[in-house]
N, C-alpha and C. Protein backbone atom coordinates (compact mmCIF):
# COMPACT_ATOMS: atom_id res chain seq x y z
N MET A 1 0.82 -1.19 0.00
CA MET A 1 0.00 0.00 0.00
C MET A 1 0.87 1.26 0.00
N ASP A 2 2.15 1.09 0.20
CA ASP A 2 3.02 2.26 0.28
C ASP A 2 3.20 2.94 -1.08
N TRP A 3 3.18 2.18 -2.17
CA TRP A 3 3.40 2.76 -3.49
C TRP A 3 2.13 3.33 -4.09
N GLN A 4 0.94 2.92 -3.60
CA GLN A 4 -0.33 3.35 -4.21
C GLN A 4 -0.63 4.82 -3.93
N GLN A 5 -0.33 5.28 -2.76
CA GLN A 5 -0.62 6.67 -2.41
C GLN A 5 0.21 7.65 -3.25
N PRO A 6 1.52 7.49 -3.40
CA PRO A 6 2.27 8.39 -4.29
C PRO A 6 1.85 8.27 -5.76
N ALA A 7 1.49 7.07 -6.19
CA ALA A 7 1.05 6.88 -7.58
C ALA A 7 -0.26 7.63 -7.83
N ALA A 8 -1.20 7.52 -6.89
CA ALA A 8 -2.46 8.23 -7.03
C ALA A 8 -2.25 9.74 -6.98
N LEU A 9 -1.37 10.19 -6.11
CA LEU A 9 -1.06 11.62 -6.02
C LEU A 9 -0.41 12.12 -7.31
N ALA A 10 0.45 11.32 -7.92
CA ALA A 10 1.07 11.69 -9.19
C ALA A 10 0.03 11.81 -10.30
N VAL A 11 -0.94 10.91 -10.32
CA VAL A 11 -2.01 10.98 -11.32
C VAL A 11 -2.84 12.24 -11.13
N VAL A 12 -3.18 12.57 -9.90
CA VAL A 12 -3.97 13.76 -9.60
C VAL A 12 -3.20 15.03 -9.98
N ILE A 13 -1.90 15.07 -9.67
CA ILE A 13 -1.08 16.24 -10.00
C ILE A 13 -0.95 16.39 -11.52
N ALA A 14 -0.75 15.28 -12.22
CA ALA A 14 -0.64 15.34 -13.68
C ALA A 14 -1.95 15.81 -14.31
N THR A 15 -3.07 15.34 -13.81
CA THR A 15 -4.37 15.76 -14.34
C THR A 15 -4.62 17.23 -14.07
N ALA A 16 -4.32 17.70 -12.87
CA ALA A 16 -4.51 19.11 -12.54
C ALA A 16 -3.59 20.00 -13.38
N GLY A 17 -2.35 19.56 -13.59
CA GLY A 17 -1.43 20.32 -14.43
C GLY A 17 -1.91 20.39 -15.87
N TRP A 18 -2.41 19.27 -16.40
CA TRP A 18 -2.94 19.25 -17.77
C TRP A 18 -4.14 20.17 -17.91
N MET A 19 -5.06 20.17 -16.94
CA MET A 19 -6.24 21.05 -16.99
C MET A 19 -5.84 22.52 -16.87
N ALA A 20 -4.88 22.83 -16.02
CA ALA A 20 -4.41 24.21 -15.88
C ALA A 20 -3.74 24.67 -17.16
N TRP A 21 -2.94 23.81 -17.80
CA TRP A 21 -2.29 24.18 -19.04
C TRP A 21 -3.31 24.45 -20.14
N ARG A 22 -4.38 23.66 -20.21
CA ARG A 22 -5.42 23.87 -21.22
C ARG A 22 -6.11 25.22 -21.03
N ARG A 23 -6.26 25.66 -19.79
CA ARG A 23 -6.91 26.95 -19.51
C ARG A 23 -5.99 28.14 -19.75
N LEU A 24 -4.71 27.99 -19.41
CA LEU A 24 -3.80 29.13 -19.41
C LEU A 24 -2.92 29.24 -20.64
N ARG A 25 -2.93 28.27 -21.53
CA ARG A 25 -2.05 28.32 -22.70
C ARG A 25 -2.49 29.41 -23.66
N PRO A 26 -1.58 29.98 -24.42
CA PRO A 26 -1.94 30.98 -25.41
C PRO A 26 -2.75 30.34 -26.54
N ARG A 27 -3.79 31.01 -26.94
CA ARG A 27 -4.67 30.45 -27.96
C ARG A 27 -4.26 30.91 -29.35
N ARG A 28 -4.45 30.03 -30.31
CA ARG A 28 -4.19 30.37 -31.70
C ARG A 28 -5.37 31.18 -32.23
N VAL A 29 -5.13 31.98 -33.26
CA VAL A 29 -6.19 32.78 -33.86
C VAL A 29 -7.08 31.85 -34.67
N ASP A 30 -8.37 31.88 -34.39
CA ASP A 30 -9.34 31.06 -35.11
C ASP A 30 -10.23 31.99 -35.91
N PHE A 31 -10.06 32.01 -37.22
CA PHE A 31 -10.83 32.93 -38.06
C PHE A 31 -12.31 32.61 -38.03
N HIS A 32 -12.67 31.35 -37.87
CA HIS A 32 -14.09 31.01 -37.80
C HIS A 32 -14.74 31.63 -36.57
N ARG A 33 -14.04 31.60 -35.45
CA ARG A 33 -14.58 32.18 -34.22
C ARG A 33 -14.57 33.71 -34.28
N GLU A 34 -13.52 34.28 -34.88
CA GLU A 34 -13.37 35.74 -34.91
C GLU A 34 -14.35 36.41 -35.86
N THR A 35 -14.55 35.83 -37.06
CA THR A 35 -15.39 36.49 -38.06
C THR A 35 -16.76 35.87 -38.19
N GLY A 36 -16.96 34.67 -37.70
CA GLY A 36 -18.26 34.04 -37.78
C GLY A 36 -18.39 33.09 -38.96
N CYS A 37 -17.61 33.31 -40.03
CA CYS A 37 -17.73 32.42 -41.18
C CYS A 37 -16.39 31.87 -41.63
N GLY A 38 -15.31 32.39 -41.12
CA GLY A 38 -14.01 31.90 -41.50
C GLY A 38 -13.34 32.68 -42.60
N CYS A 39 -14.05 33.61 -43.21
CA CYS A 39 -13.45 34.41 -44.27
C CYS A 39 -13.46 35.87 -43.83
N GLY A 40 -12.29 36.46 -43.65
CA GLY A 40 -12.18 37.80 -43.12
C GLY A 40 -12.57 38.89 -44.10
N SER A 41 -12.47 38.64 -45.42
CA SER A 41 -12.74 39.70 -46.39
C SER A 41 -14.22 39.95 -46.58
N VAL A 42 -15.07 38.97 -46.33
CA VAL A 42 -16.50 39.13 -46.56
C VAL A 42 -17.24 38.98 -45.23
N ALA A 43 -16.77 39.67 -44.21
CA ALA A 43 -17.34 39.51 -42.87
C ALA A 43 -18.76 40.05 -42.80
N GLY A 44 -19.13 41.03 -43.64
CA GLY A 44 -20.46 41.63 -43.58
C GLY A 44 -21.52 40.84 -44.32
N ALA A 45 -21.12 39.99 -45.26
CA ALA A 45 -22.09 39.22 -46.05
C ALA A 45 -22.67 38.09 -45.21
N ARG A 46 -23.98 37.87 -45.34
CA ARG A 46 -24.64 36.81 -44.60
C ARG A 46 -25.05 35.70 -45.56
N PRO A 47 -25.00 34.48 -45.14
CA PRO A 47 -25.40 33.38 -46.02
C PRO A 47 -26.92 33.35 -46.20
N PRO A 48 -27.41 32.74 -47.27
CA PRO A 48 -28.86 32.66 -47.48
C PRO A 48 -29.50 31.72 -46.46
N THR A 49 -30.79 31.89 -46.28
CA THR A 49 -31.56 31.06 -45.36
C THR A 49 -32.26 29.96 -46.14
N VAL A 50 -32.17 28.74 -45.65
CA VAL A 50 -32.81 27.61 -46.29
C VAL A 50 -33.94 27.15 -45.38
N CYS A 51 -35.16 27.07 -45.94
CA CYS A 51 -36.33 26.64 -45.18
C CYS A 51 -36.92 25.41 -45.86
N VAL A 52 -37.03 24.31 -45.12
CA VAL A 52 -37.62 23.08 -45.65
C VAL A 52 -38.94 22.87 -44.94
N SER A 53 -40.03 22.75 -45.71
CA SER A 53 -41.35 22.56 -45.09
C SER A 53 -42.14 21.57 -45.93
N GLY A 54 -43.15 21.00 -45.33
CA GLY A 54 -44.01 20.05 -46.03
C GLY A 54 -44.91 19.33 -45.04
N ARG A 55 -45.90 18.65 -45.60
CA ARG A 55 -46.82 17.87 -44.77
C ARG A 55 -46.71 16.40 -45.15
N ARG A 56 -47.28 15.56 -44.34
CA ARG A 56 -47.21 14.14 -44.59
C ARG A 56 -47.93 13.81 -45.90
N GLY A 57 -47.27 13.05 -46.75
CA GLY A 57 -47.88 12.66 -48.01
C GLY A 57 -47.58 13.63 -49.15
N GLU A 58 -47.09 14.82 -48.85
CA GLU A 58 -46.75 15.80 -49.89
C GLU A 58 -45.26 15.82 -50.10
N ARG A 59 -44.86 16.41 -51.23
CA ARG A 59 -43.43 16.59 -51.48
C ARG A 59 -42.92 17.70 -50.58
N PRO A 60 -41.72 17.55 -50.04
CA PRO A 60 -41.15 18.64 -49.24
C PRO A 60 -40.85 19.84 -50.12
N ARG A 61 -41.04 21.02 -49.57
CA ARG A 61 -40.79 22.27 -50.30
C ARG A 61 -39.58 22.93 -49.68
N VAL A 62 -38.58 23.23 -50.51
CA VAL A 62 -37.35 23.86 -50.08
C VAL A 62 -37.34 25.28 -50.61
N THR A 63 -37.22 26.26 -49.71
CA THR A 63 -37.20 27.65 -50.08
C THR A 63 -35.88 28.27 -49.64
N VAL A 64 -35.17 28.92 -50.59
CA VAL A 64 -33.92 29.59 -50.30
C VAL A 64 -34.15 31.09 -50.43
N THR A 65 -33.96 31.83 -49.33
CA THR A 65 -34.18 33.28 -49.37
C THR A 65 -32.85 33.98 -49.11
N PRO A 66 -32.46 34.89 -50.02
CA PRO A 66 -31.23 35.65 -49.77
C PRO A 66 -31.46 36.68 -48.68
N ARG A 67 -30.40 37.03 -47.98
CA ARG A 67 -30.54 38.04 -46.92
C ARG A 67 -30.04 39.36 -47.38
């Protein structure tokens, strides 16, 4: 039982260090997060809206509306 306590403590310390490193490490620039679409030159343009509707037994209707 003498070796189990230091081994368990080492696992806990390694896990805590890994979690702290994930929180405190410098982050890379993510263009998708920064601009919303991943393309910095067309940040103001919005994608079209796609609406799919229909009832049972009918063909589905797909409507694409530009914004």
